[in-house]
Amino acid sequence: MDEKTEELRDIFQSVADDDTVTESQADSHGSLASETDVEDRLNDTVATMRDRLDFRTDLDTDALTTVVRQFYAGDSDADIAGELDDDAADPETIRAARLDLHLVRDDDAPVALDDVRAAADDPTDPDLATVVDAIDADPEDAETALGVLRVRNEIQRVNDRYRAEFENALRDRELTERLTATVHEDGLDDATEGQETDVDL
């Protein structure tokens, strides 16, 4: 077992609180933390957010879970909209859903958030007209930036716990895939070790 395999095994053991990786755990892709397990964890987190926070989106929990997965896969809002079986899902709908889910992109605010924050008379409920006058911004751009600022304030208020839960679930799946692939590779190496290949050309 090479150093990388040992490192992955140690990580797994610390997560699973177990001393061994059993044969059944190495049998199939995703058996350590199945895709269903990951989907359930993402669904549960989305459902909790809907219960506790003020969501604007009309997308159902399954669609929102798809938004989470595709966001972390690096897809654009247009690409995510194309993944959904919902004719009403356009890039603007996906953007609103992302913000409800605390999945903020760097370019979501068309105006610098630091300027908006500095201009806000009330950080928790800033007045649009006050911000527009202070930074001389287009009202629509200022309103969009205020929406992003509110989301960032909400993320801070909940200690970013929901994004952490999304990322932990997806990280566990990635670890499972890496560990399973490594176990399979090692098994193949062990099976072929010492074999001679006699090929007549």
N, C-alpha and C. Protein backbone atom coordinates (compact mmCIF):
# COMPACT_ATOMS: atom_id res chain seq x y z
N MET A 1 0.85 -1.19 0.00
CA MET A 1 0.00 0.00 0.00
C MET A 1 0.89 1.24 0.00
N ASP A 2 0.70 2.13 -0.99
CA ASP A 2 1.57 3.29 -1.08
C ASP A 2 1.15 4.38 -0.10
N GLU A 3 1.96 5.44 -0.06
CA GLU A 3 1.74 6.50 0.93
C GLU A 3 0.39 7.19 0.73
N LYS A 4 -0.01 7.42 -0.54
CA LYS A 4 -1.29 8.08 -0.81
C LYS A 4 -2.45 7.22 -0.33
N THR A 5 -2.36 5.90 -0.58
CA THR A 5 -3.42 5.01 -0.14
C THR A 5 -3.54 5.00 1.37
N GLU A 6 -2.40 4.98 2.05
CA GLU A 6 -2.41 5.01 3.51
C GLU A 6 -3.04 6.30 4.02
N GLU A 7 -2.75 7.40 3.34
CA GLU A 7 -3.32 8.69 3.75
C GLU A 7 -4.84 8.67 3.61
N LEU A 8 -5.33 8.15 2.48
CA LEU A 8 -6.77 8.06 2.27
C LEU A 8 -7.43 7.12 3.27
N ARG A 9 -6.74 6.00 3.57
CA ARG A 9 -7.28 5.07 4.55
C ARG A 9 -7.40 5.73 5.92
N ASP A 10 -6.35 6.49 6.30
CA ASP A 10 -6.37 7.17 7.60
C ASP A 10 -7.51 8.17 7.67
N ILE A 11 -7.75 8.90 6.55
CA ILE A 11 -8.84 9.87 6.52
C ILE A 11 -10.17 9.15 6.69
N PHE A 12 -10.33 8.06 5.95
CA PHE A 12 -11.58 7.31 6.05
C PHE A 12 -11.80 6.79 7.47
N GLN A 13 -10.76 6.24 8.06
CA GLN A 13 -10.91 5.69 9.40
C GLN A 13 -11.28 6.76 10.41
N SER A 14 -10.73 7.97 10.23
CA SER A 14 -11.07 9.05 11.16
C SER A 14 -12.51 9.50 10.98
N VAL A 15 -13.02 9.42 9.73
CA VAL A 15 -14.41 9.79 9.48
C VAL A 15 -15.36 8.69 9.93
N ALA A 16 -15.00 7.45 9.62
CA ALA A 16 -15.89 6.33 9.90
C ALA A 16 -15.74 5.80 11.32
N ASP A 17 -14.69 6.24 12.04
CA ASP A 17 -14.43 5.75 13.39
C ASP A 17 -14.32 4.24 13.39
N ASP A 18 -13.59 3.71 12.40
CA ASP A 18 -13.42 2.27 12.26
C ASP A 18 -11.98 2.01 11.89
N ASP A 19 -11.49 0.82 12.21
CA ASP A 19 -10.09 0.52 11.98
C ASP A 19 -9.84 -0.17 10.66
N THR A 20 -10.89 -0.60 9.97
CA THR A 20 -10.66 -1.37 8.75
C THR A 20 -11.54 -0.88 7.63
N VAL A 21 -11.05 -1.08 6.42
CA VAL A 21 -11.87 -0.88 5.23
C VAL A 21 -12.24 -2.27 4.77
N THR A 22 -13.50 -2.65 4.91
CA THR A 22 -13.90 -4.01 4.62
C THR A 22 -14.00 -4.25 3.13
N GLU A 23 -14.03 -5.52 2.78
CA GLU A 23 -14.13 -5.89 1.38
C GLU A 23 -15.42 -5.36 0.77
N SER A 24 -16.54 -5.42 1.54
CA SER A 24 -17.82 -4.95 1.01
C SER A 24 -17.80 -3.47 0.76
N GLN A 25 -17.01 -2.72 1.55
CA GLN A 25 -16.93 -1.28 1.35
C GLN A 25 -16.19 -0.95 0.06
N ALA A 26 -15.36 -1.85 -0.40
CA ALA A 26 -14.58 -1.60 -1.60
C ALA A 26 -15.20 -2.24 -2.83
N ASP A 27 -16.39 -2.88 -2.66
CA ASP A 27 -16.96 -3.64 -3.75
C ASP A 27 -17.43 -2.78 -4.90
N SER A 28 -18.10 -1.67 -4.60
CA SER A 28 -18.71 -0.91 -5.67
C SER A 28 -18.50 0.57 -5.50
N HIS A 29 -18.61 1.28 -6.61
CA HIS A 29 -18.45 2.72 -6.62
C HIS A 29 -19.44 3.38 -5.68
N GLY A 30 -18.96 4.23 -4.77
CA GLY A 30 -19.84 4.98 -3.90
C GLY A 30 -20.37 4.20 -2.72
N SER A 31 -19.81 3.02 -2.42
CA SER A 31 -20.38 2.21 -1.36
C SER A 31 -20.07 2.76 0.03
N LEU A 32 -19.02 3.57 0.17
CA LEU A 32 -18.68 4.11 1.48
C LEU A 32 -19.65 5.22 1.88
N ALA A 33 -20.03 6.03 0.95
CA ALA A 33 -21.05 7.07 1.17
C ALA A 33 -21.78 7.18 -0.15
N SER A 34 -22.89 6.47 -0.26
CA SER A 34 -23.55 6.33 -1.54
C SER A 34 -24.10 7.66 -2.06
N GLU A 35 -24.36 7.67 -3.35
CA GLU A 35 -24.95 8.86 -3.97
C GLU A 35 -26.29 9.19 -3.32
N THR A 36 -27.02 8.15 -2.94
CA THR A 36 -28.30 8.36 -2.26
C THR A 36 -28.11 9.04 -0.92
N ASP A 37 -27.07 8.62 -0.18
CA ASP A 37 -26.77 9.25 1.10
C ASP A 37 -26.47 10.74 0.92
N VAL A 38 -25.66 11.04 -0.08
CA VAL A 38 -25.30 12.44 -0.34
C VAL A 38 -26.54 13.23 -0.73
N GLU A 39 -27.37 12.65 -1.60
CA GLU A 39 -28.59 13.34 -2.04
C GLU A 39 -29.52 13.61 -0.84
N ASP A 40 -29.62 12.63 0.05
CA ASP A 40 -30.47 12.80 1.23
C ASP A 40 -29.94 13.92 2.13
N ARG A 41 -28.63 13.98 2.30
CA ARG A 41 -28.04 15.04 3.14
C ARG A 41 -28.27 16.41 2.53
N LEU A 42 -28.10 16.52 1.21
CA LEU A 42 -28.34 17.80 0.55
C LEU A 42 -29.81 18.18 0.64
N ASN A 43 -30.70 17.21 0.42
CA ASN A 43 -32.15 17.48 0.52
C ASN A 43 -32.53 17.95 1.91
N ASP A 44 -31.97 17.30 2.93
CA ASP A 44 -32.29 17.67 4.31
C ASP A 44 -31.84 19.10 4.62
N THR A 45 -30.66 19.46 4.13
CA THR A 45 -30.16 20.81 4.39
C THR A 45 -31.01 21.85 3.67
N VAL A 46 -31.38 21.56 2.41
CA VAL A 46 -32.25 22.47 1.66
C VAL A 46 -33.59 22.63 2.38
N ALA A 47 -34.18 21.52 2.82
CA ALA A 47 -35.47 21.57 3.51
C ALA A 47 -35.38 22.38 4.80
N THR A 48 -34.28 22.23 5.52
CA THR A 48 -34.08 22.99 6.75
C THR A 48 -33.99 24.49 6.45
N MET A 49 -33.28 24.84 5.40
CA MET A 49 -33.17 26.24 5.02
C MET A 49 -34.55 26.82 4.67
N ARG A 50 -35.34 26.05 3.95
CA ARG A 50 -36.68 26.53 3.57
C ARG A 50 -37.55 26.77 4.79
N ASP A 51 -37.37 25.93 5.80
CA ASP A 51 -38.17 26.07 7.01
C ASP A 51 -37.75 27.28 7.84
N ARG A 52 -36.45 27.56 7.85
CA ARG A 52 -35.93 28.56 8.77
C ARG A 52 -35.69 29.93 8.15
N LEU A 53 -35.54 29.98 6.84
CA LEU A 53 -35.20 31.24 6.19
C LEU A 53 -36.32 31.69 5.26
N ASP A 54 -36.23 32.92 4.82
CA ASP A 54 -37.24 33.51 3.95
C ASP A 54 -36.85 33.26 2.50
N PHE A 55 -37.38 32.19 1.91
CA PHE A 55 -37.06 31.85 0.53
C PHE A 55 -37.98 32.58 -0.44
N ARG A 56 -37.41 33.04 -1.54
CA ARG A 56 -38.20 33.66 -2.59
C ARG A 56 -38.52 32.68 -3.72
N THR A 57 -37.71 31.65 -3.85
CA THR A 57 -37.84 30.74 -4.98
C THR A 57 -39.06 29.84 -4.85
N ASP A 58 -39.63 29.47 -6.01
CA ASP A 58 -40.74 28.53 -6.06
C ASP A 58 -40.28 27.12 -6.43
N LEU A 59 -38.99 26.94 -6.67
CA LEU A 59 -38.48 25.62 -7.03
C LEU A 59 -38.64 24.66 -5.86
N ASP A 60 -38.93 23.39 -6.17
CA ASP A 60 -39.11 22.41 -5.09
C ASP A 60 -37.74 21.96 -4.57
N THR A 61 -37.78 21.13 -3.53
CA THR A 61 -36.55 20.73 -2.86
C THR A 61 -35.62 19.96 -3.78
N ASP A 62 -36.17 19.06 -4.60
CA ASP A 62 -35.32 18.28 -5.52
C ASP A 62 -34.62 19.20 -6.52
N ALA A 63 -35.35 20.19 -7.03
CA ALA A 63 -34.75 21.13 -7.98
C ALA A 63 -33.67 21.96 -7.30
N LEU A 64 -33.93 22.38 -6.07
CA LEU A 64 -32.94 23.17 -5.34
C LEU A 64 -31.69 22.34 -5.04
N THR A 65 -31.87 21.05 -4.78
CA THR A 65 -30.72 20.18 -4.56
C THR A 65 -29.89 20.07 -5.83
N THR A 66 -30.56 20.03 -6.98
CA THR A 66 -29.83 20.04 -8.26
C THR A 66 -29.04 21.33 -8.41
N VAL A 67 -29.63 22.45 -8.01
CA VAL A 67 -28.92 23.73 -8.06
C VAL A 67 -27.64 23.66 -7.23
N VAL A 68 -27.75 23.08 -6.04
CA VAL A 68 -26.57 22.96 -5.17
C VAL A 68 -25.48 22.12 -5.85
N ARG A 69 -25.86 20.95 -6.33
CA ARG A 69 -24.87 20.05 -6.94
C ARG A 69 -24.20 20.70 -8.15
N GLN A 70 -25.01 21.30 -9.02
CA GLN A 70 -24.45 21.86 -10.25
C GLN A 70 -23.65 23.13 -9.98
N PHE A 71 -24.04 23.89 -8.96
CA PHE A 71 -23.25 25.06 -8.58
C PHE A 71 -21.84 24.63 -8.19
N TYR A 72 -21.74 23.62 -7.34
CA TYR A 72 -20.42 23.16 -6.90
C TYR A 72 -19.67 22.42 -7.99
N ALA A 73 -20.39 21.99 -9.04
CA ALA A 73 -19.73 21.39 -10.19
C ALA A 73 -19.17 22.46 -11.13
N GLY A 74 -19.50 23.73 -10.84
CA GLY A 74 -18.96 24.83 -11.63
C GLY A 74 -19.85 25.27 -12.78
N ASP A 75 -21.11 24.82 -12.80
CA ASP A 75 -22.01 25.18 -13.90
C ASP A 75 -22.52 26.61 -13.76
N SER A 76 -22.79 27.22 -14.90
CA SER A 76 -23.38 28.55 -14.92
C SER A 76 -24.87 28.45 -14.60
N ASP A 77 -25.48 29.60 -14.34
CA ASP A 77 -26.92 29.61 -14.07
C ASP A 77 -27.71 29.09 -15.27
N ALA A 78 -27.27 29.43 -16.46
CA ALA A 78 -27.95 28.96 -17.67
C ALA A 78 -27.84 27.44 -17.79
N ASP A 79 -26.65 26.91 -17.49
CA ASP A 79 -26.46 25.45 -17.55
C ASP A 79 -27.32 24.74 -16.52
N ILE A 80 -27.39 25.32 -15.32
CA ILE A 80 -28.21 24.71 -14.26
C ILE A 80 -29.68 24.72 -14.66
N ALA A 81 -30.13 25.83 -15.24
CA ALA A 81 -31.53 25.90 -15.70
C ALA A 81 -31.82 24.80 -16.71
N GLY A 82 -30.85 24.52 -17.56
CA GLY A 82 -31.02 23.46 -18.56
C GLY A 82 -31.09 22.07 -17.97
N GLU A 83 -30.55 21.91 -16.76
CA GLU A 83 -30.57 20.60 -16.09
C GLU A 83 -31.93 20.29 -15.47
N LEU A 84 -32.74 21.30 -15.24
CA LEU A 84 -34.01 21.11 -14.54
C LEU A 84 -35.15 20.80 -15.50
N ASP A 85 -36.01 19.90 -15.08
CA ASP A 85 -37.20 19.59 -15.86
C ASP A 85 -38.31 20.57 -15.50
N ASP A 86 -38.03 21.83 -15.75
CA ASP A 86 -38.98 22.89 -15.38
C ASP A 86 -38.84 24.01 -16.40
N ASP A 87 -39.85 24.16 -17.22
CA ASP A 87 -39.81 25.17 -18.29
C ASP A 87 -39.72 26.58 -17.73
N ALA A 88 -40.15 26.77 -16.48
CA ALA A 88 -40.13 28.10 -15.88
C ALA A 88 -38.77 28.46 -15.31
N ALA A 89 -37.84 27.49 -15.29
CA ALA A 89 -36.52 27.72 -14.70
C ALA A 89 -35.60 28.37 -15.73
N ASP A 90 -35.39 29.67 -15.58
CA ASP A 90 -34.46 30.39 -16.44
C ASP A 90 -33.28 30.86 -15.57
N PRO A 91 -32.25 31.45 -16.18
CA PRO A 91 -31.08 31.87 -15.39
C PRO A 91 -31.41 32.79 -14.23
N GLU A 92 -32.39 33.68 -14.39
CA GLU A 92 -32.77 34.58 -13.30
C GLU A 92 -33.40 33.80 -12.14
N THR A 93 -34.19 32.80 -12.48
CA THR A 93 -34.78 31.95 -11.44
C THR A 93 -33.69 31.20 -10.68
N ILE A 94 -32.71 30.70 -11.41
CA ILE A 94 -31.61 29.97 -10.78
C ILE A 94 -30.79 30.90 -9.90
N ARG A 95 -30.57 32.11 -10.38
CA ARG A 95 -29.80 33.08 -9.58
C ARG A 95 -30.51 33.36 -8.26
N ALA A 96 -31.82 33.57 -8.32
CA ALA A 96 -32.58 33.82 -7.10
C ALA A 96 -32.52 32.61 -6.17
N ALA A 97 -32.60 31.41 -6.75
CA ALA A 97 -32.53 30.19 -5.95
C ALA A 97 -31.16 30.06 -5.29
N ARG A 98 -30.12 30.36 -6.03
CA ARG A 98 -28.76 30.30 -5.47
C ARG A 98 -28.62 31.21 -4.26
N LEU A 99 -29.14 32.42 -4.39
CA LEU A 99 -29.02 33.36 -3.29
C LEU A 99 -29.82 32.88 -2.08
N ASP A 100 -31.00 32.30 -2.32
CA ASP A 100 -31.75 31.71 -1.21
C ASP A 100 -30.94 30.63 -0.52
N LEU A 101 -30.14 29.90 -1.30
CA LEU A 101 -29.33 28.79 -0.78
C LEU A 101 -27.96 29.25 -0.28
N HIS A 102 -27.74 30.56 -0.27
CA HIS A 102 -26.46 31.15 0.18
C HIS A 102 -25.29 30.82 -0.74
N LEU A 103 -25.58 30.52 -2.00
CA LEU A 103 -24.54 30.19 -2.97
C LEU A 103 -24.25 31.44 -3.80
N VAL A 104 -23.38 32.28 -3.30
CA VAL A 104 -23.12 33.58 -3.91
C VAL A 104 -21.89 33.51 -4.81
N ARG A 105 -22.01 34.10 -5.99
CA ARG A 105 -20.86 34.22 -6.90
C ARG A 105 -20.24 35.60 -6.74
N ASP A 106 -18.97 35.71 -7.10
CA ASP A 106 -18.26 36.98 -6.97
C ASP A 106 -18.90 38.09 -7.81
N ASP A 107 -19.51 37.71 -8.95
CA ASP A 107 -20.05 38.73 -9.85
C ASP A 107 -21.56 38.93 -9.69
N ASP A 108 -22.13 38.44 -8.59
CA ASP A 108 -23.57 38.61 -8.39
C ASP A 108 -23.97 40.07 -8.15
N ALA A 109 -23.08 40.83 -7.56
CA ALA A 109 -23.38 42.24 -7.27
C ALA A 109 -22.75 43.14 -8.34
N PRO A 110 -23.55 43.91 -9.08
CA PRO A 110 -23.00 44.79 -10.12
C PRO A 110 -22.34 46.04 -9.55
N VAL A 111 -22.50 46.27 -8.25
CA VAL A 111 -21.91 47.42 -7.57
C VAL A 111 -21.08 46.87 -6.41
N ALA A 112 -19.94 47.51 -6.14
CA ALA A 112 -19.07 47.04 -5.06
C ALA A 112 -19.83 46.99 -3.73
N LEU A 113 -19.82 45.83 -3.10
CA LEU A 113 -20.58 45.67 -1.86
C LEU A 113 -20.03 46.53 -0.73
N ASP A 114 -18.72 46.76 -0.75
CA ASP A 114 -18.14 47.63 0.29
C ASP A 114 -18.73 49.03 0.21
N ASP A 115 -18.93 49.53 -1.03
CA ASP A 115 -19.52 50.86 -1.21
C ASP A 115 -20.98 50.86 -0.75
N VAL A 116 -21.70 49.80 -1.09
CA VAL A 116 -23.11 49.70 -0.69
C VAL A 116 -23.21 49.62 0.83
N ARG A 117 -22.36 48.81 1.43
CA ARG A 117 -22.39 48.66 2.89
C ARG A 117 -22.08 49.98 3.59
N ALA A 118 -21.10 50.70 3.04
CA ALA A 118 -20.73 51.99 3.65
C ALA A 118 -21.85 53.02 3.49
N ALA A 119 -22.61 52.91 2.41
CA ALA A 119 -23.66 53.89 2.15
C ALA A 119 -24.96 53.57 2.86
N ALA A 120 -25.09 52.33 3.33
CA ALA A 120 -26.35 51.91 3.94
C ALA A 120 -26.56 52.60 5.28
N ASP A 121 -27.74 53.20 5.44
CA ASP A 121 -28.06 53.86 6.70
C ASP A 121 -28.37 52.86 7.81
N ASP A 122 -28.93 51.71 7.40
CA ASP A 122 -29.25 50.64 8.34
C ASP A 122 -28.69 49.34 7.76
N PRO A 123 -27.62 48.82 8.31
CA PRO A 123 -26.98 47.63 7.72
C PRO A 123 -27.92 46.43 7.61
N THR A 124 -28.89 46.31 8.51
CA THR A 124 -29.80 45.17 8.47
C THR A 124 -30.96 45.37 7.50
N ASP A 125 -31.32 46.60 7.23
CA ASP A 125 -32.42 46.90 6.31
C ASP A 125 -32.16 48.23 5.61
N PRO A 126 -31.15 48.26 4.73
CA PRO A 126 -30.76 49.52 4.11
C PRO A 126 -31.82 50.07 3.17
N ASP A 127 -31.89 51.38 3.09
CA ASP A 127 -32.86 52.05 2.24
C ASP A 127 -32.27 52.22 0.84
N LEU A 128 -33.00 51.78 -0.18
CA LEU A 128 -32.51 51.82 -1.56
C LEU A 128 -32.19 53.24 -2.00
N ALA A 129 -33.10 54.18 -1.75
CA ALA A 129 -32.88 55.56 -2.21
C ALA A 129 -31.63 56.16 -1.58
N THR A 130 -31.40 55.85 -0.33
CA THR A 130 -30.21 56.37 0.36
C THR A 130 -28.94 55.85 -0.30
N VAL A 131 -28.94 54.56 -0.64
CA VAL A 131 -27.76 53.95 -1.27
C VAL A 131 -27.55 54.52 -2.66
N VAL A 132 -28.63 54.64 -3.44
CA VAL A 132 -28.52 55.18 -4.80
C VAL A 132 -27.92 56.58 -4.78
N ASP A 133 -28.39 57.42 -3.87
CA ASP A 133 -27.88 58.79 -3.77
C ASP A 133 -26.42 58.81 -3.33
N ALA A 134 -26.07 57.94 -2.41
CA ALA A 134 -24.72 57.97 -1.83
C ALA A 134 -23.66 57.50 -2.81
N ILE A 135 -23.97 56.49 -3.62
CA ILE A 135 -22.94 55.94 -4.51
C ILE A 135 -23.20 56.28 -5.98
N ASP A 136 -24.27 57.05 -6.24
CA ASP A 136 -24.60 57.47 -7.60
C ASP A 136 -24.68 56.26 -8.53
N ALA A 137 -25.46 55.28 -8.12
CA ALA A 137 -25.58 54.05 -8.89
C ALA A 137 -26.92 53.97 -9.58
N ASP A 138 -27.00 53.15 -10.62
CA ASP A 138 -28.27 52.85 -11.25
C ASP A 138 -29.16 52.16 -10.21
N PRO A 139 -30.42 52.61 -10.07
CA PRO A 139 -31.29 52.03 -9.03
C PRO A 139 -31.42 50.51 -9.11
N GLU A 140 -31.50 49.98 -10.33
CA GLU A 140 -31.64 48.53 -10.48
C GLU A 140 -30.38 47.81 -10.01
N ASP A 141 -29.21 48.38 -10.37
CA ASP A 141 -27.95 47.79 -9.92
C ASP A 141 -27.82 47.87 -8.40
N ALA A 142 -28.22 49.00 -7.85
CA ALA A 142 -28.13 49.17 -6.40
C ALA A 142 -29.06 48.19 -5.69
N GLU A 143 -30.25 47.98 -6.25
CA GLU A 143 -31.20 47.05 -5.63
C GLU A 143 -30.66 45.62 -5.68
N THR A 144 -30.05 45.25 -6.81
CA THR A 144 -29.45 43.92 -6.93
C THR A 144 -28.32 43.74 -5.91
N ALA A 145 -27.49 44.76 -5.78
CA ALA A 145 -26.38 44.69 -4.83
C ALA A 145 -26.88 44.60 -3.39
N LEU A 146 -27.96 45.32 -3.09
CA LEU A 146 -28.54 45.26 -1.75
C LEU A 146 -29.05 43.85 -1.45
N GLY A 147 -29.61 43.20 -2.45
CA GLY A 147 -30.07 41.83 -2.27
C GLY A 147 -28.93 40.89 -1.93
N VAL A 148 -27.81 41.07 -2.62
CA VAL A 148 -26.62 40.25 -2.34
C VAL A 148 -26.08 40.56 -0.96
N LEU A 149 -26.09 41.85 -0.59
CA LEU A 149 -25.61 42.24 0.73
C LEU A 149 -26.45 41.60 1.83
N ARG A 150 -27.77 41.58 1.63
CA ARG A 150 -28.65 40.94 2.62
C ARG A 150 -28.32 39.45 2.77
N VAL A 151 -28.05 38.81 1.64
CA VAL A 151 -27.69 37.38 1.70
C VAL A 151 -26.39 37.19 2.45
N ARG A 152 -25.40 38.03 2.17
CA ARG A 152 -24.11 37.91 2.87
C ARG A 152 -24.28 38.17 4.36
N ASN A 153 -25.13 39.11 4.72
CA ASN A 153 -25.40 39.35 6.14
C ASN A 153 -26.07 38.14 6.79
N GLU A 154 -26.97 37.50 6.03
CA GLU A 154 -27.65 36.32 6.55
C GLU A 154 -26.67 35.16 6.70
N ILE A 155 -25.77 35.00 5.74
CA ILE A 155 -24.74 33.96 5.83
C ILE A 155 -23.92 34.15 7.10
N GLN A 156 -23.54 35.40 7.35
CA GLN A 156 -22.75 35.69 8.54
C GLN A 156 -23.56 35.42 9.81
N ARG A 157 -24.85 35.74 9.77
CA ARG A 157 -25.70 35.57 10.96
C ARG A 157 -25.82 34.09 11.35
N VAL A 158 -25.84 33.20 10.35
CA VAL A 158 -25.98 31.76 10.64
C VAL A 158 -24.62 31.06 10.64
N ASN A 159 -23.55 31.86 10.68
CA ASN A 159 -22.18 31.30 10.72
C ASN A 159 -21.88 30.41 9.51
N ASP A 160 -22.52 30.70 8.39
CA ASP A 160 -22.26 29.97 7.14
C ASP A 160 -22.46 28.46 7.30
N ARG A 161 -23.39 28.06 8.17
CA ARG A 161 -23.53 26.64 8.49
C ARG A 161 -24.09 25.83 7.32
N TYR A 162 -24.95 26.45 6.52
CA TYR A 162 -25.61 25.66 5.47
C TYR A 162 -24.66 25.35 4.32
N ARG A 163 -23.87 26.32 3.92
CA ARG A 163 -22.87 26.03 2.89
C ARG A 163 -21.88 25.00 3.39
N ALA A 164 -21.54 25.07 4.67
CA ALA A 164 -20.61 24.08 5.25
C ALA A 164 -21.21 22.68 5.16
N GLU A 165 -22.53 22.57 5.40
CA GLU A 165 -23.18 21.26 5.32
C GLU A 165 -23.20 20.74 3.88
N PHE A 166 -23.48 21.64 2.92
CA PHE A 166 -23.41 21.24 1.51
C PHE A 166 -22.01 20.71 1.18
N GLU A 167 -21.02 21.48 1.55
CA GLU A 167 -19.64 21.15 1.17
C GLU A 167 -19.15 19.89 1.87
N ASN A 168 -19.57 19.67 3.10
CA ASN A 168 -19.18 18.45 3.80
C ASN A 168 -19.77 17.21 3.13
N ALA A 169 -21.02 17.29 2.72
CA ALA A 169 -21.66 16.16 2.04
C ALA A 169 -20.96 15.86 0.72
N LEU A 170 -20.67 16.89 -0.05
CA LEU A 170 -20.02 16.70 -1.34
C LEU A 170 -18.57 16.27 -1.17
N ARG A 171 -17.91 16.74 -0.12
CA ARG A 171 -16.53 16.34 0.16
C ARG A 171 -16.46 14.86 0.54
N ASP A 172 -17.44 14.41 1.31
CA ASP A 172 -17.49 12.99 1.68
C ASP A 172 -17.65 12.11 0.44
N ARG A 173 -18.48 12.57 -0.51
CA ARG A 173 -18.65 11.81 -1.75
C ARG A 173 -17.34 11.76 -2.52
N GLU A 174 -16.66 12.90 -2.59
CA GLU A 174 -15.38 12.94 -3.31
C GLU A 174 -14.37 12.01 -2.65
N LEU A 175 -14.33 12.01 -1.32
CA LEU A 175 -13.42 11.12 -0.60
C LEU A 175 -13.76 9.67 -0.89
N THR A 176 -15.05 9.35 -0.92
CA THR A 176 -15.48 7.99 -1.22
C THR A 176 -15.00 7.57 -2.60
N GLU A 177 -15.19 8.46 -3.59
CA GLU A 177 -14.79 8.13 -4.95
C GLU A 177 -13.28 7.92 -5.05
N ARG A 178 -12.52 8.78 -4.39
CA ARG A 178 -11.07 8.66 -4.44
C ARG A 178 -10.61 7.38 -3.75
N LEU A 179 -11.18 7.10 -2.58
CA LEU A 179 -10.78 5.93 -1.81
C LEU A 179 -11.15 4.65 -2.55
N THR A 180 -12.37 4.60 -3.10
CA THR A 180 -12.82 3.42 -3.81
C THR A 180 -11.95 3.17 -5.04
N ALA A 181 -11.64 4.24 -5.78
CA ALA A 181 -10.79 4.10 -6.96
C ALA A 181 -9.41 3.59 -6.58
N THR A 182 -8.87 4.08 -5.47
CA THR A 182 -7.54 3.67 -5.04
C THR A 182 -7.52 2.21 -4.61
N VAL A 183 -8.58 1.78 -3.89
CA VAL A 183 -8.66 0.38 -3.46
C VAL A 183 -8.72 -0.53 -4.68
N HIS A 184 -9.50 -0.15 -5.69
CA HIS A 184 -9.60 -0.94 -6.91
C HIS A 184 -8.25 -1.02 -7.62
N GLU A 185 -7.55 0.10 -7.71
CA GLU A 185 -6.26 0.13 -8.37
C GLU A 185 -5.25 -0.75 -7.65
N ASP A 186 -5.25 -0.67 -6.31
CA ASP A 186 -4.32 -1.49 -5.53
C ASP A 186 -4.63 -2.97 -5.70
N GLY A 187 -5.93 -3.29 -5.74
CA GLY A 187 -6.32 -4.68 -5.92
C GLY A 187 -5.85 -5.21 -7.25
N LEU A 188 -5.94 -4.38 -8.30
CA LEU A 188 -5.48 -4.79 -9.62
C LEU A 188 -3.98 -4.95 -9.63
N ASP A 189 -3.26 -4.03 -8.99
CA ASP A 189 -1.80 -4.13 -8.92
C ASP A 189 -1.38 -5.41 -8.21
N ASP A 190 -2.07 -5.74 -7.09
CA ASP A 190 -1.72 -6.94 -6.34
C ASP A 190 -2.00 -8.19 -7.16
N ALA A 191 -3.09 -8.16 -7.94
CA ALA A 191 -3.47 -9.33 -8.71
C ALA A 191 -2.51 -9.60 -9.86
N THR A 192 -1.90 -8.56 -10.39
CA THR A 192 -1.03 -8.71 -11.55
C THR A 192 0.45 -8.72 -11.18
N GLU A 193 0.74 -8.52 -9.90
CA GLU A 193 2.13 -8.46 -9.48
C GLU A 193 2.82 -9.80 -9.73
N GLY A 194 3.97 -9.77 -10.38
CA GLY A 194 4.73 -10.98 -10.62
C GLY A 194 4.34 -11.74 -11.87
N GLN A 195 3.27 -11.31 -12.51
CA GLN A 195 2.87 -12.00 -13.73
C GLN A 195 3.80 -11.61 -14.87
N GLU A 196 4.06 -12.57 -15.74
CA GLU A 196 4.89 -12.31 -16.90
C GLU A 196 3.99 -12.21 -18.13
N THR A 197 4.33 -11.29 -18.98
CA THR A 197 3.56 -11.13 -20.19
C THR A 197 4.38 -11.64 -21.36
N ASP A 198 3.84 -12.63 -22.04
CA ASP A 198 4.56 -13.23 -23.16
C ASP A 198 3.75 -12.96 -24.43
N VAL A 199 4.17 -11.98 -25.19
CA VAL A 199 3.44 -11.60 -26.39
C VAL A 199 4.34 -11.79 -27.59
N ASP A 200 3.90 -12.63 -28.50
CA ASP A 200 4.65 -12.85 -29.75
C ASP A 200 4.10 -11.92 -30.81
N LEU A 201 4.97 -11.08 -31.33
CA LEU A 201 4.55 -10.18 -32.41
C LEU A 201 5.00 -10.74 -33.75
